[in-house]
PDB file of N, CA and C in Angstrom:
ATOM      1  N   MET A   1      81.202 107.999 110.557  1.00  0.00           N
ATOM      2  CA  MET A   1      80.270 107.034 110.667  1.00  0.00           C
ATOM      3  C   MET A   1      79.092 107.000 110.778  1.00  0.00           C
ATOM      4  N   ASN A   2      78.113 106.744 109.824  1.00  0.00           N
ATOM      5  CA  ASN A   2      76.326 107.303 109.827  1.00  0.00           C
ATOM      6  C   ASN A   2      75.932 106.646 111.358  1.00  0.00           C
ATOM      7  N   ALA A   3      74.680 106.978 111.690  1.00  0.00           N
ATOM      8  CA  ALA A   3      74.241 106.659 112.630  1.00  0.00           C
ATOM      9  C   ALA A   3      73.397 105.236 112.310  1.00  0.00           C
ATOM     10  N   ILE A   4      73.290 104.680 111.143  1.00  0.00           N
ATOM     11  CA  ILE A   4      72.773 103.239 110.793  1.00  0.00           C
ATOM     12  C   ILE A   4      74.326 102.280 110.854  1.00  0.00           C
ATOM     13  N   MET A   5      75.049 102.907 110.731  1.00  0.00           N
ATOM     14  CA  MET A   5      76.081 101.727 110.864  1.00  0.00           C
ATOM     15  C   MET A   5      76.530 101.646 112.196  1.00  0.00           C
ATOM     16  N   MET A   6      76.531 102.526 112.964  1.00  0.00           N
ATOM     17  CA  MET A   6      76.793 102.817 114.155  1.00  0.00           C
ATOM     18  C   MET A   6      75.452 101.401 115.294  1.00  0.00           C
ATOM     19  N   LYS A   7      74.492 101.885 114.842  1.00  0.00           N
ATOM     20  CA  LYS A   7      73.860 101.262 115.493  1.00  0.00           C
ATOM     21  C   LYS A   7      73.854  99.358 115.539  1.00  0.00           C
ATOM     22  N   SER A   8      73.951  98.941 113.890  1.00  0.00           N
ATOM     23  CA  SER A   8      74.643  97.387 113.273  1.00  0.00           C
ATOM     24  C   SER A   8      75.770  96.992 114.010  1.00  0.00           C
ATOM     25  N   THR A   9      76.479  98.174 114.674  1.00  0.00           N
ATOM     26  CA  THR A   9      77.994  97.606 114.850  1.00  0.00           C
ATOM     27  C   THR A   9      77.763  97.336 116.249  1.00  0.00           C
ATOM     28  N   PRO A  10      77.804  95.866 117.016  1.00  0.00           N
ATOM     29  CA  PRO A  10      78.096  95.855 118.367  1.00  0.00           C
ATOM     30  C   PRO A  10      79.275  96.797 119.315  1.00  0.00           C
ATOM     31  N   ALA A  11      78.593  96.950 120.469  1.00  0.00           N
ATOM     32  CA  ALA A  11      79.494  97.925 121.001  1.00  0.00           C
ATOM     33  C   ALA A  11      80.825  97.449 121.248  1.00  0.00           C
ATOM     34  N   TRP A  12      80.995  95.980 121.717  1.00  0.00           N
ATOM     35  CA  TRP A  12      81.755  95.561 122.119  1.00  0.00           C
ATOM     36  C   TRP A  12      83.062  95.197 120.976  1.00  0.00           C
ATOM     37  N   SER A  13      82.543  95.405 119.328  1.00  0.00           N
ATOM     38  CA  SER A  13      83.340  95.262 118.443  1.00  0.00           C
ATOM     39  C   SER A  13      84.089  96.798 118.379  1.00  0.00           C
ATOM     40  N   GLN A  14      83.583  97.680 118.644  1.00  0.00           N
ATOM     41  CA  GLN A  14      84.003  99.303 118.582  1.00  0.00           C
ATOM     42  C   GLN A  14      84.938  99.008 119.633  1.00  0.00           C
ATOM     43  N   LEU A  15      84.891  98.577 120.796  1.00  0.00           N
ATOM     44  CA  LEU A  15      85.898  99.229 122.219  1.00  0.00           C
ATOM     45  C   LEU A  15      86.782  98.038 121.633  1.00  0.00           C
ATOM     46  N   TYR A  16      86.875  96.939 121.080  1.00  0.00           N
ATOM     47  CA  TYR A  16      87.908  96.304 120.525  1.00  0.00           C
ATOM     48  C   TYR A  16      88.899  96.858 119.643  1.00  0.00           C
ATOM     49  N   LEU A  17      88.083  97.200 118.534  1.00  0.00           N
ATOM     50  CA  LEU A  17      88.883  98.058 117.208  1.00  0.00           C
ATOM     51  C   LEU A  17      89.282  99.343 118.270  1.00  0.00           C
ATOM     52  N   PHE A  18      89.226  99.978 119.467  1.00  0.00           N
ATOM     53  CA  PHE A  18      89.807 101.488 119.656  1.00  0.00           C
ATOM     54  C   PHE A  18      90.823 100.569 120.750  1.00  0.00           C
ATOM     55  N   ASP A  19      90.751  99.429 121.239  1.00  0.00           N
ATOM     56  CA  ASP A  19      91.944  98.967 122.149  1.00  0.00           C
ATOM     57  C   ASP A  19      92.950  98.463 121.421  1.00  0.00           C
ATOM     58  N   PHE A  20      92.434  98.111 120.090  1.00  0.00           N
ATOM     59  CA  PHE A  20      93.413  97.377 119.210  1.00  0.00           C
ATOM     60  C   PHE A  20      94.889  99.023 118.776  1.00  0.00           C
ATOM     61  N   PHE A  21      94.034  99.348 118.641  1.00  0.00           N
ATOM     62  CA  PHE A  21      94.805 100.942 118.227  1.00  0.00           C
ATOM     63  C   PHE A  21      95.319 101.409 118.775  1.00  0.00           C
ATOM     64  N   ILE A  22      94.772 101.437 120.418  1.00  0.00           N
ATOM     65  CA  ILE A  22      96.234 101.466 121.928  1.00  0.00           C
ATOM     66  C   ILE A  22      96.871 100.861 121.534  1.00  0.00           C
ATOM     67  N   VAL A  23      96.813  99.589 121.887  1.00  0.00           N
ATOM     68  CA  VAL A  23      97.977  98.514 121.237  1.00  0.00           C
ATOM     69  C   VAL A  23      99.022  98.980 120.400  1.00  0.00           C
ATOM     70  N   PHE A  24      98.507  99.119 119.962  1.00  0.00           N
ATOM     71  CA  PHE A  24      99.138  99.297 118.349  1.00  0.00           C
ATOM     72  C   PHE A  24     100.014 100.217 118.728  1.00  0.00           C
ATOM     73  N   SER A  25      99.560 101.410 119.330  1.00  0.00           N
ATOM     74  CA  SER A  25     100.163 102.902 119.231  1.00  0.00           C
ATOM     75  C   SER A  25     101.325 102.478 119.962  1.00  0.00           C
ATOM     76  N   LEU A  26     101.220 101.617 120.765  1.00  0.00           N
ATOM     77  CA  LEU A  26     102.591 101.528 122.030  1.00  0.00           C
ATOM     78  C   LEU A  26     103.340 100.289 122.180  1.00  0.00           C
ATOM     79  N   ILE A  27     103.301  99.895 120.700  1.00  0.00           N
ATOM     80  CA  ILE A  27     104.724  99.203 120.219  1.00  0.00           C
ATOM     81  C   ILE A  27     105.804 100.005 120.107  1.00  0.00           C
ATOM     82  N   ASP A  28     106.507  99.823 120.106  1.00  0.00           N
ATOM     83  CA  ASP A  28     107.985  99.954 119.387  1.00  0.00           C
ATOM     84  C   ASP A  28     109.035  99.481 118.686  1.00  0.00           C
ATOM     85  N   PHE A  29     109.866 100.418 117.861  1.00  0.00           N
ATOM     86  CA  PHE A  29     110.565  99.463 117.397  1.00  0.00           C
ATOM     87  C   PHE A  29     111.817  98.752 118.339  1.00  0.00           C
ATOM     88  N   CYS A  30     111.923  98.030 117.624  1.00  0.00           N
ATOM     89  CA  CYS A  30     113.539  97.699 118.757  1.00  0.00           C
ATOM     90  C   CYS A  30     114.650  98.075 118.153  1.00  0.00           C
ATOM     91  N   ASN A  31     116.170  98.458 118.658  1.00  0.00           N
ATOM     92  CA  ASN A  31     117.193  98.230 118.151  1.00  0.00           C
ATOM     93  C   ASN A  31     117.792  97.161 119.193  1.00  0.00           C
ATOM     94  N   SER A  32     117.907  96.346 118.268  1.00  0.00           N
ATOM     95  CA  SER A  32     118.463  94.572 119.559  1.00  0.00           C
ATOM     96  C   SER A  32     120.016  95.140 119.136  1.00  0.00           C
ATOM     97  N   HIS A  33     120.724  93.841 120.254  1.00  0.00           N
ATOM     98  CA  HIS A  33     122.555  94.267 119.802  1.00  0.00           C
ATOM     99  C   HIS A  33     122.622  92.394 119.871  1.00  0.00           C
ATOM    100  N   GLY A  34     123.968  92.362 119.694  1.00  0.00           N
ATOM    101  CA  GLY A  34     124.071  90.463 120.144  1.00  0.00           C
ATOM    102  C   GLY A  34     125.656  90.433 119.218  1.00  0.00           C
ATOM    103  N   ARG A  35     125.871  89.612 119.590  1.00  0.00           N
ATOM    104  CA  ARG A  35     127.710  89.334 119.304  1.00  0.00           C
ATOM    105  C   ARG A  35     127.425  87.796 118.402  1.00  0.00           C
ATOM    106  N   LEU A  36     128.602  87.597 117.684  1.00  0.00           N
ATOM    107  CA  LEU A  36     128.923  86.519 116.892  1.00  0.00           C
ATOM    108  C   LEU A  36     129.613  85.454 118.126  1.00  0.00           C
ATOM    109  N   LEU A  37     129.601  83.872 118.982  1.00  0.00           N
ATOM    110  CA  LEU A  37     130.227  83.821 119.724  1.00  0.00           C
ATOM    111  C   LEU A  37     130.902  82.406 118.950  1.00  0.00           C
ATOM    112  N   GLU A  38     130.233  81.984 118.176  1.00  0.00           N
ATOM    113  CA  GLU A  38     130.151  80.273 117.665  1.00  0.00           C
ATOM    114  C   GLU A  38     130.539  80.229 115.931  1.00  0.00           C
ATOM    115  N   PRO A  39     131.593  80.855 115.345  1.00  0.00           N
ATOM    116  CA  PRO A  39     132.580  81.143 115.871  1.00  0.00           C
ATOM    117  C   PRO A  39     132.877  82.142 116.141  1.00  0.00           C
ATOM    118  N   PRO A  40     133.693  82.715 117.183  1.00  0.00           N
ATOM    119  CA  PRO A  40     133.774  84.299 118.061  1.00  0.00           C
ATOM    120  C   PRO A  40     134.387  85.253 116.779  1.00  0.00           C
ATOM    121  N   GLN A  41     133.446  86.159 116.956  1.00  0.00           N
ATOM    122  CA  GLN A  41     134.004  87.453 116.470  1.00  0.00           C
ATOM    123  C   GLN A  41     134.984  88.217 116.625  1.00  0.00           C
ATOM    124  N   ARG A  42     135.564  89.140 115.597  1.00  0.00           N
ATOM    125  CA  ARG A  42     137.003  89.665 116.301  1.00  0.00           C
ATOM    126  C   ARG A  42     136.675  90.565 117.382  1.00  0.00           C
ATOM    127  N   GLY A  43     135.359  91.380 117.354  1.00  0.00           N
ATOM    128  CA  GLY A  43     135.282  91.967 118.711  1.00  0.00           C
ATOM    129  C   GLY A  43     135.170  91.183 120.183  1.00  0.00           C
ATOM    130  N   SER A  44     134.879  89.659 119.917  1.00  0.00           N
ATOM    131  CA  SER A  44     134.481  89.204 121.203  1.00  0.00           C
ATOM    132  C   SER A  44     135.868  87.898 121.034  1.00  0.00           C
ATOM    133  N   MET A  45     136.502  87.761 120.474  1.00  0.00           N
ATOM    134  CA  MET A  45     137.280  87.045 120.835  1.00  0.00           C
ATOM    135  C   MET A  45     138.575  87.028 122.231  1.00  0.00           C
ATOM    136  N   TRP A  46     138.339  88.106 122.520  1.00  0.00           N
ATOM    137  CA  TRP A  46     139.084  88.273 124.225  1.00  0.00           C
ATOM    138  C   TRP A  46     138.234  87.454 124.922  1.00  0.00           C
ATOM    139  N   ARG A  47     137.094  87.390 125.127  1.00  0.00           N
ATOM    140  CA  ARG A  47     136.376  86.541 125.805  1.00  0.00           C
ATOM    141  C   ARG A  47     136.375  84.986 125.904  1.00  0.00           C
ATOM    142  N   PHE A  48     137.790  84.520 124.758  1.00  0.00           N
ATOM    143  CA  PHE A  48     137.920  82.945 124.875  1.00  0.00           C
ATOM    144  C   PHE A  48     139.218  82.820 124.870  1.00  0.00           C
ATOM    145  N   GLY A  49     139.944  83.848 125.337  1.00  0.00           N
ATOM    146  CA  GLY A  49     141.582  83.982 125.671  1.00  0.00           C
ATOM    147  C   GLY A  49     142.376  84.033 124.625  1.00  0.00           C
ATOM    148  N   PHE A  50     141.950  85.246 123.236  1.00  0.00           N
ATOM    149  CA  PHE A  50     142.469  85.195 122.475  1.00  0.00           C
ATOM    150  C   PHE A  50     143.013  86.505 122.899  1.00  0.00           C
ATOM    151  N   GLU A  51     144.941  86.751 122.536  1.00  0.00           N
ATOM    152  CA  GLU A  51     145.321  87.717 122.941  1.00  0.00           C
ATOM    153  C   GLU A  51     145.334  89.033 122.111  1.00  0.00           C
ATOM    154  N   VAL A  52     144.323  89.603 122.599  1.00  0.00           N
ATOM    155  CA  VAL A  52     143.858  90.773 121.563  1.00  0.00           C
ATOM    156  C   VAL A  52     142.710  91.852 122.593  1.00  0.00           C
ATOM    157  N   PRO A  53     143.101  92.954 122.410  1.00  0.00           N
ATOM    158  CA  PRO A  53     142.390  94.000 123.198  1.00  0.00           C
ATOM    159  C   PRO A  53     141.405  93.742 123.793  1.00  0.00           C
ATOM    160  N   ALA A  54     140.606  93.923 124.708  1.00  0.00           N
ATOM    161  CA  ALA A  54     139.055  93.945 125.167  1.00  0.00           C
ATOM    162  C   ALA A  54     138.253  94.739 124.453  1.00  0.00           C
ATOM    163  N   ASN A  55     137.042  94.255 124.227  1.00  0.00           N
ATOM    164  CA  ASN A  55     136.616  95.333 123.705  1.00  0.00           C
ATOM    165  C   ASN A  55     134.847  95.355 124.395  1.00  0.00           C
ATOM    166  N   TYR A  56     134.614  95.564 125.203  1.00  0.00           N
ATOM    167  CA  TYR A  56     133.358  95.560 126.050  1.00  0.00           C
ATOM    168  C   TYR A  56     132.439  96.201 126.033  1.00  0.00           C
ATOM    169  N   ASN A  57     132.332  96.397 124.781  1.00  0.00           N
ATOM    170  CA  ASN A  57     131.254  96.866 124.000  1.00  0.00           C
ATOM    171  C   ASN A  57     130.652  96.083 122.694  1.00  0.00           C
ATOM    172  N   ASP A  58     131.406  94.325 122.842  1.00  0.00           N
ATOM    173  CA  ASP A  58     131.441  94.323 121.335  1.00  0.00           C
ATOM    174  C   ASP A  58     129.940  93.791 121.101  1.00  0.00           C
ATOM    175  N   MET A  59     128.620  93.854 121.803  1.00  0.00           N
ATOM    176  CA  MET A  59     127.393  93.325 121.279  1.00  0.00           C
ATOM    177  C   MET A  59     126.732  94.738 121.112  1.00  0.00           C
ATOM    178  N   SER A  60     127.654  95.835 120.322  1.00  0.00           N
ATOM    179  CA  SER A  60     127.085  96.637 119.710  1.00  0.00           C
ATOM    180  C   SER A  60     127.867  97.659 118.816  1.00  0.00           C
ATOM    181  N   ASN A  61     128.489  96.895 117.976  1.00  0.00           N
ATOM    182  CA  ASN A  61     129.244  97.434 117.126  1.00  0.00           C
ATOM    183  C   ASN A  61     128.516  98.336 116.297  1.00  0.00           C
ATOM    184  N   TYR A  62     128.957  99.169 115.571  1.00  0.00           N
ATOM    185  CA  TYR A  62     128.255  99.831 114.316  1.00  0.00           C
ATOM    186  C   TYR A  62     129.289 100.050 113.296  1.00  0.00           C
ATOM    187  N   CYS A  63     128.035  99.551 112.182  1.00  0.00           N
ATOM    188  CA  CYS A  63     128.552  99.698 110.676  1.00  0.00           C
ATOM    189  C   CYS A  63     128.104 100.870 109.915  1.00  0.00           C
ATOM    190  N   GLY A  64     127.245 101.231 110.446  1.00  0.00           N
ATOM    191  CA  GLY A  64     126.498 102.453 109.612  1.00  0.00           C
ATOM    192  C   GLY A  64     124.963 102.250 109.545  1.00  0.00           C
ATOM    193  N   GLY A  65     124.463 101.054 109.700  1.00  0.00           N
ATOM    194  CA  GLY A  65     123.142 101.586 110.256  1.00  0.00           C
ATOM    195  C   GLY A  65     122.548 100.863 108.727  1.00  0.00           C
ATOM    196  N   LYS A  66     121.001 101.069 108.941  1.00  0.00           N
ATOM    197  CA  LYS A  66     120.581 101.020 107.569  1.00  0.00           C
ATOM    198  C   LYS A  66     120.329 101.476 106.391  1.00  0.00           C
ATOM    199  N   GLU A  67     121.001 103.039 106.900  1.00  0.00           N
ATOM    200  CA  GLU A  67     120.965 104.099 105.761  1.00  0.00           C
ATOM    201  C   GLU A  67     122.310 104.029 104.663  1.00  0.00           C
ATOM    202  N   ASN A  68     123.197 103.163 105.730  1.00  0.00           N
ATOM    203  CA  ASN A  68     125.253 103.036 105.358  1.00  0.00           C
ATOM    204  C   ASN A  68     124.520 101.977 104.027  1.00  0.00           C
ATOM    205  N   GLN A  69     123.487 100.721 104.590  1.00  0.00           N
ATOM    206  CA  GLN A  69     123.667  99.794 104.298  1.00  0.00           C
ATOM    207  C   GLN A  69     122.743 100.151 102.548  1.00  0.00           C
ATOM    208  N   TRP A  70     122.242 100.645 102.528  1.00  0.00           N
ATOM    209  CA  TRP A  70     120.713 100.676 101.259  1.00  0.00           C
ATOM    210  C   TRP A  70     121.620 101.732 100.089  1.00  0.00           C
ATOM    211  N   THR A  71     122.237 102.849 100.714  1.00  0.00           N
ATOM    212  CA  THR A  71     122.204 103.836 100.249  1.00  0.00           C
ATOM    213  C   THR A  71     124.197 103.944  99.757  1.00  0.00           C
ATOM    214  N   SER A  72     125.056 103.321 100.553  1.00  0.00           N
ATOM    215  CA  SER A  72     126.491 103.500 100.369  1.00  0.00           C
ATOM    216  C   SER A  72     126.669 101.885  99.908  1.00  0.00           C
ATOM    217  N   GLN A  73     126.258 100.676  99.965  1.00  0.00           N
ATOM    218  CA  GLN A  73     126.561  99.985  99.908  1.00  0.00           C
ATOM    219  C   GLN A  73     125.478  98.675  98.854  1.00  0.00           C
ATOM    220  N   ASN A  74     124.525  99.540  98.301  1.00  0.00           N
ATOM    221  CA  ASN A  74     123.582  98.730  97.731  1.00  0.00           C
ATOM    222  C   ASN A  74     122.991  97.415  97.832  1.00  0.00           C
ATOM    223  N   GLY A  75     122.899  97.358  99.313  1.00  0.00           N
ATOM    224  CA  GLY A  75     121.674  96.643 100.228  1.00  0.00           C
ATOM    225  C   GLY A  75     123.026  95.594 100.657  1.00  0.00           C
ATOM    226  N   ARG A  76     124.117  95.540 100.281  1.00  0.00           N
ATOM    227  CA  ARG A  76     124.740  94.245 100.498  1.00  0.00           C
ATOM    228  C   ARG A  76     125.135  94.445 102.237  1.00  0.00           C
TER     229      ARG A  76
END
């Protein structure tokens, strides 16, 4: 920034911009988990009394992720 621009820009807006970048740098992407309960998915059926093996990790079944979806499955 040049000296003229620094003088014409209020100090509070410079701090606001700095705070914005600090907060934005702290945001992280989330890897969320979930399960289909209505109707129950195959891994969660034991929770509703079906005679299937219990899968205590039914909220994080992994099917290959984003890379598998777009490279192997063509986005399907």
